C-alpha cells in the first residue's frame, strides 16, 4: 500500500475516535461549575482527562494536517507558491504541537 492509502485508512479510523472524544470534552466542560483557573487545573490534573485531551488534540492535528496538505496539493500543485505555503503550514502545525507540549509539561510538573 502506498502512503495515500494509509492516510485514507487513518482518517476513516480516527474520525469516530475524534468525534467520541469531542463529545466527551463537551460533556465534561458543560459539567464544570466554575470556569476559573483552579477548576480547570483540577480537571487537567486528572491524568485520564489529560490523556484523553492529548489524544483528542493529537488525532485532530494529524487529521487536519492530512486534509490541509491534500487541499494544498489540489489547489497549488506545481505552482511557485506551493512550497512556500507548505512550509508556512508546517511551521503553524509545529507551533501548535509545541504549545500542546508546553501545556502538558506545565500541568504535569506544576
PDB file of N, CA and C in Angstrom:
ATOM      1  N   UNK A   1       0.840  -1.182   0.000  1.00  0.00           N
ATOM      2  CA  UNK A   1       0.000   0.000   0.000  1.00  0.00           C
ATOM      3  C   UNK A   1       0.885   1.246   0.000  1.00  0.00           C
ATOM      4  N   UNK A   2       0.410   2.259  -0.675  1.00  0.00           N
ATOM      5  CA  UNK A   2       1.182   3.499  -0.691  1.00  0.00           C
ATOM      6  C   UNK A   2       0.746   4.407   0.456  1.00  0.00           C
ATOM      7  N   UNK A   3       1.417   5.541   0.595  1.00  0.00           N
ATOM      8  CA  UNK A   3       1.177   6.432   1.724  1.00  0.00           C
ATOM      9  C   UNK A   3      -0.235   7.028   1.706  1.00  0.00           C
ATOM     10  N   UNK A   4      -0.777   7.259   0.521  1.00  0.00           N
ATOM     11  CA  UNK A   4      -2.123   7.821   0.421  1.00  0.00           C
ATOM     12  C   UNK A   4      -3.172   6.854   0.968  1.00  0.00           C
ATOM     13  N   UNK A   5      -2.958   5.572   0.784  1.00  0.00           N
ATOM     14  CA  UNK A   5      -3.871   4.568   1.321  1.00  0.00           C
ATOM     15  C   UNK A   5      -3.838   4.575   2.848  1.00  0.00           C
ATOM     16  N   UNK A   6      -2.632   4.685   3.417  1.00  0.00           N
ATOM     17  CA  UNK A   6      -2.511   4.750   4.871  1.00  0.00           C
ATOM     18  C   UNK A   6      -3.171   6.003   5.429  1.00  0.00           C
ATOM     19  N   UNK A   7      -3.025   7.115   4.724  1.00  0.00           N
ATOM     20  CA  UNK A   7      -3.694   8.351   5.147  1.00  0.00           C
ATOM     21  C   UNK A   7      -5.211   8.175   5.126  1.00  0.00           C
ATOM     22  N   UNK A   8      -5.712   7.551   4.085  1.00  0.00           N
ATOM     23  CA  UNK A   8      -7.152   7.335   3.963  1.00  0.00           C
ATOM     24  C   UNK A   8      -7.658   6.446   5.094  1.00  0.00           C
ATOM     25  N   UNK A   9      -6.932   5.366   5.371  1.00  0.00           N
ATOM     26  CA  UNK A   9      -7.316   4.455   6.455  1.00  0.00           C
ATOM     27  C   UNK A   9      -7.262   5.180   7.797  1.00  0.00           C
ATOM     28  N   UNK A  10      -6.216   5.956   8.012  1.00  0.00           N
ATOM     29  CA  UNK A  10      -6.095   6.705   9.265  1.00  0.00           C
ATOM     30  C   UNK A  10      -7.284   7.636   9.450  1.00  0.00           C
ATOM     31  N   UNK A  11      -7.664   8.337   8.405  1.00  0.00           N
ATOM     32  CA  UNK A  11      -8.779   9.266   8.525  1.00  0.00           C
ATOM     33  C   UNK A  11     -10.086   8.551   8.814  1.00  0.00           C
ATOM     34  N   UNK A  12     -10.290   7.390   8.234  1.00  0.00           N
ATOM     35  CA  UNK A  12     -11.525   6.645   8.493  1.00  0.00           C
ATOM     36  C   UNK A  12     -11.568   6.088   9.909  1.00  0.00           C
ATOM     37  N   UNK A  13     -10.408   5.738  10.450  1.00  0.00           N
ATOM     38  CA  UNK A  13     -10.364   5.206  11.806  1.00  0.00           C
ATOM     39  C   UNK A  13     -10.406   6.336  12.837  1.00  0.00           C
ATOM     40  N   UNK A  14      -9.705   7.426  12.564  1.00  0.00           N
ATOM     41  CA  UNK A  14      -9.603   8.494  13.562  1.00  0.00           C
ATOM     42  C   UNK A  14     -10.858   9.351  13.669  1.00  0.00           C
ATOM     43  N   UNK A  15     -11.651   9.436  12.621  1.00  0.00           N
ATOM     44  CA  UNK A  15     -12.835  10.295  12.658  1.00  0.00           C
ATOM     45  C   UNK A  15     -13.807   9.918  13.772  1.00  0.00           C
ATOM     46  N   UNK A  16     -14.222   8.655  13.918  1.00  0.00           N
ATOM     47  CA  UNK A  16     -15.136   8.348  15.034  1.00  0.00           C
ATOM     48  C   UNK A  16     -14.486   8.532  16.401  1.00  0.00           C
ATOM     49  N   UNK A  17     -13.191   8.285  16.494  1.00  0.00           N
ATOM     50  CA  UNK A  17     -12.499   8.484  17.775  1.00  0.00           C
ATOM     51  C   UNK A  17     -12.492   9.961  18.140  1.00  0.00           C
ATOM     52  N   UNK A  18     -12.197  10.821  17.165  1.00  0.00           N
ATOM     53  CA  UNK A  18     -12.209  12.258  17.394  1.00  0.00           C
ATOM     54  C   UNK A  18     -13.611  12.718  17.777  1.00  0.00           C
ATOM     55  N   UNK A  19     -14.607  12.184  17.130  1.00  0.00           N
ATOM     56  CA  UNK A  19     -15.991  12.556  17.428  1.00  0.00           C
ATOM     57  C   UNK A  19     -16.373  12.168  18.855  1.00  0.00           C
ATOM     58  N   UNK A  20     -16.042  10.960  19.256  1.00  0.00           N
ATOM     59  CA  UNK A  20     -16.348  10.488  20.611  1.00  0.00           C
ATOM     60  C   UNK A  20     -15.600  11.327  21.651  1.00  0.00           C
ATOM     61  N   UNK A  21     -14.329  11.587  21.408  1.00  0.00           N
ATOM     62  CA  UNK A  21     -13.559  12.388  22.358  1.00  0.00           C
ATOM     63  C   UNK A  21     -14.046  13.838  22.407  1.00  0.00           C
ATOM     64  N   UNK A  22     -14.533  14.354  21.295  1.00  0.00           N
ATOM     65  CA  UNK A  22     -15.094  15.707  21.282  1.00  0.00           C
ATOM     66  C   UNK A  22     -16.353  15.769  22.136  1.00  0.00           C
ATOM     67  N   UNK A  23     -17.214  14.774  22.001  1.00  0.00           N
ATOM     68  CA  UNK A  23     -18.405  14.722  22.849  1.00  0.00           C
ATOM     69  C   UNK A  23     -18.030  14.572  24.318  1.00  0.00           C
ATOM     70  N   UNK A  24     -17.011  13.777  24.604  1.00  0.00           N
ATOM     71  CA  UNK A  24     -16.532  13.629  25.976  1.00  0.00           C
ATOM     72  C   UNK A  24     -16.081  14.975  26.532  1.00  0.00           C
ATOM     73  N   UNK A  25     -15.310  15.733  25.735  1.00  0.00           N
ATOM     74  CA  UNK A  25     -14.810  17.025  26.194  1.00  0.00           C
ATOM     75  C   UNK A  25     -15.946  18.025  26.387  1.00  0.00           C
ATOM     76  N   UNK A  26     -16.871  18.064  25.465  1.00  0.00           N
ATOM     77  CA  UNK A  26     -18.017  18.972  25.589  1.00  0.00           C
ATOM     78  C   UNK A  26     -18.837  18.625  26.834  1.00  0.00           C
ATOM     79  N   UNK A  27     -19.069  17.343  27.059  1.00  0.00           N
ATOM     80  CA  UNK A  27     -19.824  16.900  28.239  1.00  0.00           C
ATOM     81  C   UNK A  27     -19.118  17.336  29.522  1.00  0.00           C
ATOM     82  N   UNK A  28     -17.816  17.127  29.588  1.00  0.00           N
ATOM     83  CA  UNK A  28     -17.076  17.498  30.799  1.00  0.00           C
ATOM     84  C   UNK A  28     -16.987  19.005  30.980  1.00  0.00           C
ATOM     85  N   UNK A  29     -16.840  19.737  29.914  1.00  0.00           N
ATOM     86  CA  UNK A  29     -16.810  21.194  30.030  1.00  0.00           C
ATOM     87  C   UNK A  29     -18.165  21.711  30.492  1.00  0.00           C
ATOM     88  N   UNK A  30     -19.217  21.099  30.012  1.00  0.00           N
ATOM     89  CA  UNK A  30     -20.562  21.507  30.419  1.00  0.00           C
ATOM     90  C   UNK A  30     -20.786  21.299  31.915  1.00  0.00           C
ATOM     91  N   UNK A  31     -20.150  20.291  32.488  1.00  0.00           N
ATOM     92  CA  UNK A  31     -20.362  19.973  33.893  1.00  0.00           C
ATOM     93  C   UNK A  31     -19.350  20.626  34.836  1.00  0.00           C
ATOM     94  N   UNK A  32     -18.454  21.416  34.306  1.00  0.00           N
ATOM     95  CA  UNK A  32     -17.563  22.179  35.175  1.00  0.00           C
ATOM     96  C   UNK A  32     -18.358  23.362  35.717  1.00  0.00           C
ATOM     97  N   UNK A  33     -18.383  23.500  37.036  1.00  0.00           N
ATOM     98  CA  UNK A  33     -19.229  24.525  37.644  1.00  0.00           C
ATOM     99  C   UNK A  33     -18.639  25.927  37.476  1.00  0.00           C
ATOM    100  N   UNK A  34     -17.436  26.097  37.876  1.00  0.00           N
ATOM    101  CA  UNK A  34     -16.781  27.402  37.759  1.00  0.00           C
ATOM    102  C   UNK A  34     -15.692  27.301  36.700  1.00  0.00           C
ATOM    103  N   UNK A  35     -15.618  28.302  35.886  1.00  0.00           N
ATOM    104  CA  UNK A  35     -14.599  28.289  34.843  1.00  0.00           C
ATOM    105  C   UNK A  35     -13.393  29.132  35.261  1.00  0.00           C
ATOM    106  N   UNK A  36     -12.973  28.930  36.480  1.00  0.00           N
ATOM    107  CA  UNK A  36     -11.792  29.646  36.934  1.00  0.00           C
ATOM    108  C   UNK A  36     -10.552  28.763  36.771  1.00  0.00           C
ATOM    109  N   UNK A  37      -9.419  29.337  37.056  1.00  0.00           N
ATOM    110  CA  UNK A  37      -8.155  28.634  36.852  1.00  0.00           C
ATOM    111  C   UNK A  37      -8.075  27.362  37.690  1.00  0.00           C
ATOM    112  N   UNK A  38      -8.493  27.454  38.919  1.00  0.00           N
ATOM    113  CA  UNK A  38      -8.394  26.319  39.841  1.00  0.00           C
ATOM    114  C   UNK A  38      -9.193  25.106  39.355  1.00  0.00           C
ATOM    115  N   UNK A  39     -10.407  25.331  38.908  1.00  0.00           N
ATOM    116  CA  UNK A  39     -11.272  24.243  38.448  1.00  0.00           C
ATOM    117  C   UNK A  39     -10.718  23.592  37.182  1.00  0.00           C
ATOM    118  N   UNK A  40     -10.263  24.414  36.263  1.00  0.00           N
ATOM    119  CA  UNK A  40      -9.694  23.874  35.018  1.00  0.00           C
ATOM    120  C   UNK A  40      -8.409  23.114  35.320  1.00  0.00           C
ATOM    121  N   UNK A  41      -7.625  23.644  36.234  1.00  0.00           N
ATOM    122  CA  UNK A  41      -6.386  22.976  36.619  1.00  0.00           C
ATOM    123  C   UNK A  41      -6.671  21.606  37.237  1.00  0.00           C
ATOM    124  N   UNK A  42      -7.660  21.539  38.106  1.00  0.00           N
ATOM    125  CA  UNK A  42      -8.030  20.256  38.721  1.00  0.00           C
ATOM    126  C   UNK A  42      -8.519  19.271  37.659  1.00  0.00           C
ATOM    127  N   UNK A  43      -9.283  19.781  36.695  1.00  0.00           N
ATOM    128  CA  UNK A  43      -9.765  18.917  35.617  1.00  0.00           C
ATOM    129  C   UNK A  43      -8.597  18.283  34.861  1.00  0.00           C
ATOM    130  N   UNK A  44      -7.592  19.087  34.516  1.00  0.00           N
ATOM    131  CA  UNK A  44      -6.462  18.560  33.758  1.00  0.00           C
ATOM    132  C   UNK A  44      -5.424  17.864  34.627  1.00  0.00           C
ATOM    133  N   UNK A  45      -5.493  18.053  35.922  1.00  0.00           N
ATOM    134  CA  UNK A  45      -4.584  17.335  36.815  1.00  0.00           C
ATOM    135  C   UNK A  45      -4.950  15.853  36.893  1.00  0.00           C
ATOM    136  N   UNK A  46      -6.195  15.532  36.605  1.00  0.00           N
ATOM    137  CA  UNK A  46      -6.620  14.141  36.496  1.00  0.00           C
ATOM    138  C   UNK A  46      -5.966  13.569  35.234  1.00  0.00           C
ATOM    139  N   UNK A  47      -5.157  12.549  35.396  1.00  0.00           N
ATOM    140  CA  UNK A  47      -4.363  12.039  34.271  1.00  0.00           C
ATOM    141  C   UNK A  47      -5.214  11.409  33.173  1.00  0.00           C
ATOM    142  N   UNK A  48      -6.356  10.886  33.515  1.00  0.00           N
ATOM    143  CA  UNK A  48      -7.242  10.332  32.484  1.00  0.00           C
ATOM    144  C   UNK A  48      -7.777  11.451  31.601  1.00  0.00           C
ATOM    145  N   UNK A  49      -8.212  12.547  32.232  1.00  0.00           N
ATOM    146  CA  UNK A  49      -8.687  13.687  31.457  1.00  0.00           C
ATOM    147  C   UNK A  49      -7.572  14.274  30.587  1.00  0.00           C
ATOM    148  N   UNK A  50      -6.397  14.393  31.170  1.00  0.00           N
ATOM    149  CA  UNK A  50      -5.264  14.932  30.419  1.00  0.00           C
ATOM    150  C   UNK A  50      -4.901  14.030  29.251  1.00  0.00           C
ATOM    151  N   UNK A  51      -4.871  12.729  29.503  1.00  0.00           N
ATOM    152  CA  UNK A  51      -4.537  11.773  28.442  1.00  0.00           C
ATOM    153  C   UNK A  51      -5.559  11.827  27.306  1.00  0.00           C
ATOM    154  N   UNK A  52      -6.840  11.824  27.636  1.00  0.00           N
ATOM    155  CA  UNK A  52      -7.870  11.883  26.600  1.00  0.00           C
ATOM    156  C   UNK A  52      -7.829  13.200  25.839  1.00  0.00           C
ATOM    157  N   UNK A  53      -7.540  14.278  26.531  1.00  0.00           N
ATOM    158  CA  UNK A  53      -7.418  15.581  25.896  1.00  0.00           C
ATOM    159  C   UNK A  53      -6.246  15.607  24.914  1.00  0.00           C
ATOM    160  N   UNK A  54      -5.122  15.039  25.322  1.00  0.00           N
ATOM    161  CA  UNK A  54      -3.944  14.981  24.443  1.00  0.00           C
ATOM    162  C   UNK A  54      -4.232  14.111  23.222  1.00  0.00           C
ATOM    163  N   UNK A  55      -4.858  12.966  23.443  1.00  0.00           N
ATOM    164  CA  UNK A  55      -5.213  12.086  22.324  1.00  0.00           C
ATOM    165  C   UNK A  55      -6.131  12.817  21.351  1.00  0.00           C
ATOM    166  N   UNK A  56      -7.119  13.523  21.876  1.00  0.00           N
ATOM    167  CA  UNK A  56      -8.033  14.282  21.024  1.00  0.00           C
ATOM    168  C   UNK A  56      -7.272  15.294  20.172  1.00  0.00           C
ATOM    169  N   UNK A  57      -6.400  16.060  20.784  1.00  0.00           N
ATOM    170  CA  UNK A  57      -5.702  17.087  20.032  1.00  0.00           C
ATOM    171  C   UNK A  57      -4.675  16.524  19.060  1.00  0.00           C
ATOM    172  N   UNK A  58      -3.984  15.479  19.432  1.00  0.00           N
ATOM    173  CA  UNK A  58      -3.001  14.896  18.511  1.00  0.00           C
ATOM    174  C   UNK A  58      -3.700  14.258  17.313  1.00  0.00           C
ATOM    175  N   UNK A  59      -4.752  13.487  17.557  1.00  0.00           N
ATOM    176  CA  UNK A  59      -5.500  12.897  16.449  1.00  0.00           C
ATOM    177  C   UNK A  59      -6.109  13.969  15.552  1.00  0.00           C
ATOM    178  N   UNK A  60      -6.653  15.009  16.164  1.00  0.00           N
ATOM    179  CA  UNK A  60      -7.240  16.104  15.379  1.00  0.00           C
ATOM    180  C   UNK A  60      -6.185  16.843  14.585  1.00  0.00           C
ATOM    181  N   UNK A  61      -5.040  17.046  15.180  1.00  0.00           N
ATOM    182  CA  UNK A  61      -3.953  17.747  14.497  1.00  0.00           C
ATOM    183  C   UNK A  61      -3.470  16.965  13.285  1.00  0.00           C
ATOM    184  N   UNK A  62      -3.276  15.674  13.444  1.00  0.00           N
ATOM    185  CA  UNK A  62      -2.841  14.840  12.319  1.00  0.00           C
ATOM    186  C   UNK A  62      -3.931  14.765  11.258  1.00  0.00           C
ATOM    187  N   UNK A  63      -5.164  14.618  11.701  1.00  0.00           N
ATOM    188  CA  UNK A  63      -6.294  14.527  10.775  1.00  0.00           C
ATOM    189  C   UNK A  63      -6.415  15.795   9.926  1.00  0.00           C
ATOM    190  N   UNK A  64      -6.350  16.937  10.568  1.00  0.00           N
ATOM    191  CA  UNK A  64      -6.455  18.185   9.815  1.00  0.00           C
ATOM    192  C   UNK A  64      -5.231  18.439   8.945  1.00  0.00           C
ATOM    193  N   UNK A  65      -4.056  18.015   9.417  1.00  0.00           N
ATOM    194  CA  UNK A  65      -2.842  18.193   8.601  1.00  0.00           C
ATOM    195  C   UNK A  65      -2.949  17.414   7.296  1.00  0.00           C
ATOM    196  N   UNK A  66      -3.469  16.207   7.367  1.00  0.00           N
ATOM    197  CA  UNK A  66      -3.651  15.412   6.147  1.00  0.00           C
ATOM    198  C   UNK A  66      -4.585  16.135   5.187  1.00  0.00           C
ATOM    199  N   UNK A  67      -5.679  16.655   5.717  1.00  0.00           N
ATOM    200  CA  UNK A  67      -6.651  17.361   4.862  1.00  0.00           C
ATOM    201  C   UNK A  67      -6.077  18.657   4.296  1.00  0.00           C
ATOM    202  N   UNK A  68      -5.351  19.394   5.112  1.00  0.00           N
ATOM    203  CA  UNK A  68      -4.785  20.668   4.648  1.00  0.00           C
ATOM    204  C   UNK A  68      -3.765  20.423   3.542  1.00  0.00           C
ATOM    205  N   UNK A  69      -2.871  19.463   3.727  1.00  0.00           N
ATOM    206  CA  UNK A  69      -1.866  19.196   2.699  1.00  0.00           C
ATOM    207  C   UNK A  69      -2.489  18.596   1.444  1.00  0.00           C
ATOM    208  N   UNK A  70      -3.567  17.860   1.619  1.00  0.00           N
ATOM    209  CA  UNK A  70      -4.292  17.348   0.461  1.00  0.00           C
ATOM    210  C   UNK A  70      -4.911  18.506  -0.331  1.00  0.00           C
ATOM    211  N   UNK A  71      -5.471  19.462   0.385  1.00  0.00           N
ATOM    212  CA  UNK A  71      -6.060  20.634  -0.279  1.00  0.00           C
ATOM    213  C   UNK A  71      -4.991  21.481  -0.953  1.00  0.00           C
ATOM    214  N   UNK A  72      -3.849  21.622  -0.314  1.00  0.00           N
ATOM    215  CA  UNK A  72      -2.751  22.375  -0.937  1.00  0.00           C
ATOM    216  C   UNK A  72      -2.318  21.699  -2.223  1.00  0.00           C
ATOM    217  N   UNK A  73      -2.224  20.379  -2.194  1.00  0.00           N
ATOM    218  CA  UNK A  73      -1.864  19.654  -3.416  1.00  0.00           C
ATOM    219  C   UNK A  73      -2.918  19.815  -4.502  1.00  0.00           C
ATOM    220  N   UNK A  74      -4.185  19.869  -4.098  1.00  0.00           N
ATOM    221  CA  UNK A  74      -5.254  20.041  -5.088  1.00  0.00           C
ATOM    222  C   UNK A  74      -5.237  21.413  -5.746  1.00  0.00           C
ATOM    223  N   UNK A  75      -5.007  22.447  -4.953  1.00  0.00           N
ATOM    224  CA  UNK A  75      -5.152  23.805  -5.469  1.00  0.00           C
ATOM    225  C   UNK A  75      -3.845  24.469  -5.887  1.00  0.00           C
ATOM    226  N   UNK A  76      -2.714  24.036  -5.323  1.00  0.00           N
ATOM    227  CA  UNK A  76      -1.459  24.718  -5.596  1.00  0.00           C
ATOM    228  C   UNK A  76      -0.398  23.807  -6.201  1.00  0.00           C
ATOM    229  N   UNK A  77      -0.784  22.672  -6.731  1.00  0.00           N
ATOM    230  CA  UNK A  77       0.180  21.731  -7.290  1.00  0.00           C
ATOM    231  C   UNK A  77       0.923  22.369  -8.461  1.00  0.00           C
ATOM    232  N   UNK A  78       2.235  22.256  -8.399  1.00  0.00           N
ATOM    233  CA  UNK A  78       3.135  22.750  -9.450  1.00  0.00           C
ATOM    234  C   UNK A  78       3.018  24.256  -9.674  1.00  0.00           C
ATOM    235  N   UNK A  79       2.757  24.984  -8.605  1.00  0.00           N
ATOM    236  CA  UNK A  79       2.822  26.437  -8.678  1.00  0.00           C
ATOM    237  C   UNK A  79       4.058  26.889  -7.908  1.00  0.00           C
ATOM    238  N   UNK A  80       4.459  28.116  -8.142  1.00  0.00           N
ATOM    239  CA  UNK A  80       5.664  28.596  -7.460  1.00  0.00           C
ATOM    240  C   UNK A  80       5.424  28.834  -5.965  1.00  0.00           C
ATOM    241  N   UNK A  81       4.179  28.959  -5.556  1.00  0.00           N
ATOM    242  CA  UNK A  81       3.858  29.187  -4.148  1.00  0.00           C
ATOM    243  C   UNK A  81       3.623  27.904  -3.360  1.00  0.00           C
ATOM    244  N   UNK A  82       3.611  26.771  -4.001  1.00  0.00           N
ATOM    245  CA  UNK A  82       3.284  25.511  -3.316  1.00  0.00           C
ATOM    246  C   UNK A  82       4.244  25.224  -2.167  1.00  0.00           C
ATOM    247  N   UNK A  83       5.525  25.313  -2.397  1.00  0.00           N
ATOM    248  CA  UNK A  83       6.496  25.002  -1.342  1.00  0.00           C
ATOM    249  C   UNK A  83       6.453  26.030  -0.222  1.00  0.00           C
ATOM    250  N   UNK A  84       6.236  27.288  -0.564  1.00  0.00           N
ATOM    251  CA  UNK A  84       6.131  28.330   0.452  1.00  0.00           C
ATOM    252  C   UNK A  84       4.910  28.102   1.344  1.00  0.00           C
ATOM    253  N   UNK A  85       3.797  27.765   0.750  1.00  0.00           N
ATOM    254  CA  UNK A  85       2.571  27.509   1.511  1.00  0.00           C
ATOM    255  C   UNK A  85       2.752  26.279   2.401  1.00  0.00           C
ATOM    256  N   UNK A  86       3.335  25.216   1.873  1.00  0.00           N
ATOM    257  CA  UNK A  86       3.559  24.010   2.675  1.00  0.00           C
ATOM    258  C   UNK A  86       4.505  24.295   3.842  1.00  0.00           C
ATOM    259  N   UNK A  87       5.527  25.091   3.583  1.00  0.00           N
ATOM    260  CA  UNK A  87       6.467  25.457   4.645  1.00  0.00           C
ATOM    261  C   UNK A  87       5.753  26.253   5.740  1.00  0.00           C
ATOM    262  N   UNK A  88       4.936  27.213   5.350  1.00  0.00           N
ATOM    263  CA  UNK A  88       4.184  28.031   6.300  1.00  0.00           C
ATOM    264  C   UNK A  88       3.234  27.169   7.131  1.00  0.00           C
ATOM    265  N   UNK A  89       2.553  26.247   6.496  1.00  0.00           N
ATOM    266  CA  UNK A  89       1.619  25.366   7.207  1.00  0.00           C
ATOM    267  C   UNK A  89       2.374  24.442   8.171  1.00  0.00           C
ATOM    268  N   UNK A  90       3.520  23.945   7.763  1.00  0.00           N
ATOM    269  CA  UNK A  90       4.319  23.099   8.658  1.00  0.00           C
ATOM    270  C   UNK A  90       4.763  23.875   9.891  1.00  0.00           C
ATOM    271  N   UNK A  91       5.148  25.134   9.704  1.00  0.00           N
ATOM    272  CA  UNK A  91       5.539  25.972  10.838  1.00  0.00           C
ATOM    273  C   UNK A  91       4.354  26.180  11.784  1.00  0.00           C
ATOM    274  N   UNK A  92       3.175  26.435  11.229  1.00  0.00           N
ATOM    275  CA  UNK A  92       1.986  26.610  12.072  1.00  0.00           C
ATOM    276  C   UNK A  92       1.665  25.349  12.865  1.00  0.00           C
ATOM    277  N   UNK A  93       1.740  24.189  12.218  1.00  0.00           N
ATOM    278  CA  UNK A  93       1.475  22.938  12.929  1.00  0.00           C
ATOM    279  C   UNK A  93       2.542  22.665  13.988  1.00  0.00           C
ATOM    280  N   UNK A  94       3.765  23.050  13.728  1.00  0.00           N
ATOM    281  CA  UNK A  94       4.824  22.889  14.714  1.00  0.00           C
ATOM    282  C   UNK A  94       4.573  23.777  15.930  1.00  0.00           C
ATOM    283  N   UNK A  95       4.129  25.003  15.694  1.00  0.00           N
ATOM    284  CA  UNK A  95       3.803  25.913  16.799  1.00  0.00           C
ATOM    285  C   UNK A  95       2.659  25.341  17.639  1.00  0.00           C
ATOM    286  N   UNK A  96       1.648  24.805  16.988  1.00  0.00           N
ATOM    287  CA  UNK A  96       0.524  24.209  17.713  1.00  0.00           C
ATOM    288  C   UNK A  96       0.989  23.009  18.534  1.00  0.00           C
ATOM    289  N   UNK A  97       1.806  22.150  17.939  1.00  0.00           N
ATOM    290  CA  UNK A  97       2.305  20.976  18.654  1.00  0.00           C
ATOM    291  C   UNK A  97       3.169  21.383  19.844  1.00  0.00           C
ATOM    292  N   UNK A  98       4.021  22.364  19.667  1.00  0.00           N
ATOM    293  CA  UNK A  98       4.859  22.825  20.770  1.00  0.00           C
ATOM    294  C   UNK A  98       4.024  23.443  21.886  1.00  0.00           C
ATOM    295  N   UNK A  99       2.972  24.151  21.530  1.00  0.00           N
ATOM    296  CA  UNK A  99       2.114  24.726  22.575  1.00  0.00           C
ATOM    297  C   UNK A  99       1.400  23.632  23.365  1.00  0.00           C
ATOM    298  N   UNK A 100       1.014  22.557  22.707  1.00  0.00           N
ATOM    299  CA  UNK A 100       0.397  21.429  23.423  1.00  0.00           C
ATOM    300  C   UNK A 100       1.411  20.779  24.356  1.00  0.00           C
ATOM    301  N   UNK A 101       2.637  20.623  23.890  1.00  0.00           N
ATOM    302  CA  UNK A 101       3.691  20.028  24.725  1.00  0.00           C
ATOM    303  C   UNK A 101       3.968  20.906  25.938  1.00  0.00           C
ATOM    304  N   UNK A 102       4.033  22.211  25.738  1.00  0.00           N
ATOM    305  CA  UNK A 102       4.266  23.128  26.864  1.00  0.00           C
ATOM    306  C   UNK A 102       3.098  23.071  27.842  1.00  0.00           C
ATOM    307  N   UNK A 103       1.879  23.017  27.342  1.00  0.00           N
ATOM    308  CA  UNK A 103       0.706  22.920  28.194  1.00  0.00           C
ATOM    309  C   UNK A 103       0.775  21.658  29.057  1.00  0.00           C
ATOM    310  N   UNK A 104       1.062  20.534  28.462  1.00  0.00           N
ATOM    311  CA  UNK A 104       1.138  19.270  29.198  1.00  0.00           C
ATOM    312  C   UNK A 104       2.278  19.320  30.202  1.00  0.00           C
ATOM    313  N   UNK A 105       3.403  19.870  29.803  1.00  0.00           N
ATOM    314  CA  UNK A 105       4.553  19.986  30.698  1.00  0.00           C
ATOM    315  C   UNK A 105       4.196  20.807  31.937  1.00  0.00           C
ATOM    316  N   UNK A 106       3.503  21.917  31.736  1.00  0.00           N
ATOM    317  CA  UNK A 106       3.132  22.765  32.870  1.00  0.00           C
ATOM    318  C   UNK A 106       2.119  22.076  33.781  1.00  0.00           C
ATOM    319  N   UNK A 107       1.192  21.340  33.192  1.00  0.00           N
ATOM    320  CA  UNK A 107       0.182  20.645  34.001  1.00  0.00           C
ATOM    321  C   UNK A 107       0.826  19.535  34.827  1.00  0.00           C
ATOM    322  N   UNK A 108       1.723  18.790  34.229  1.00  0.00           N
ATOM    323  CA  UNK A 108       2.313  17.642  34.924  1.00  0.00           C
ATOM    324  C   UNK A 108       3.279  18.089  36.010  1.00  0.00           C
ATOM    325  N   UNK A 109       4.075  19.097  35.743  1.00  0.00           N
ATOM    326  CA  UNK A 109       5.119  19.473  36.708  1.00  0.00           C
ATOM    327  C   UNK A 109       4.673  20.487  37.746  1.00  0.00           C
ATOM    328  N   UNK A 110       3.643  21.215  37.495  1.00  0.00           N
ATOM    329  CA  UNK A 110       3.276  22.283  38.451  1.00  0.00           C
ATOM    330  C   UNK A 110       1.949  22.047  39.070  1.00  0.00           C
TER     331      UNK A 110
END
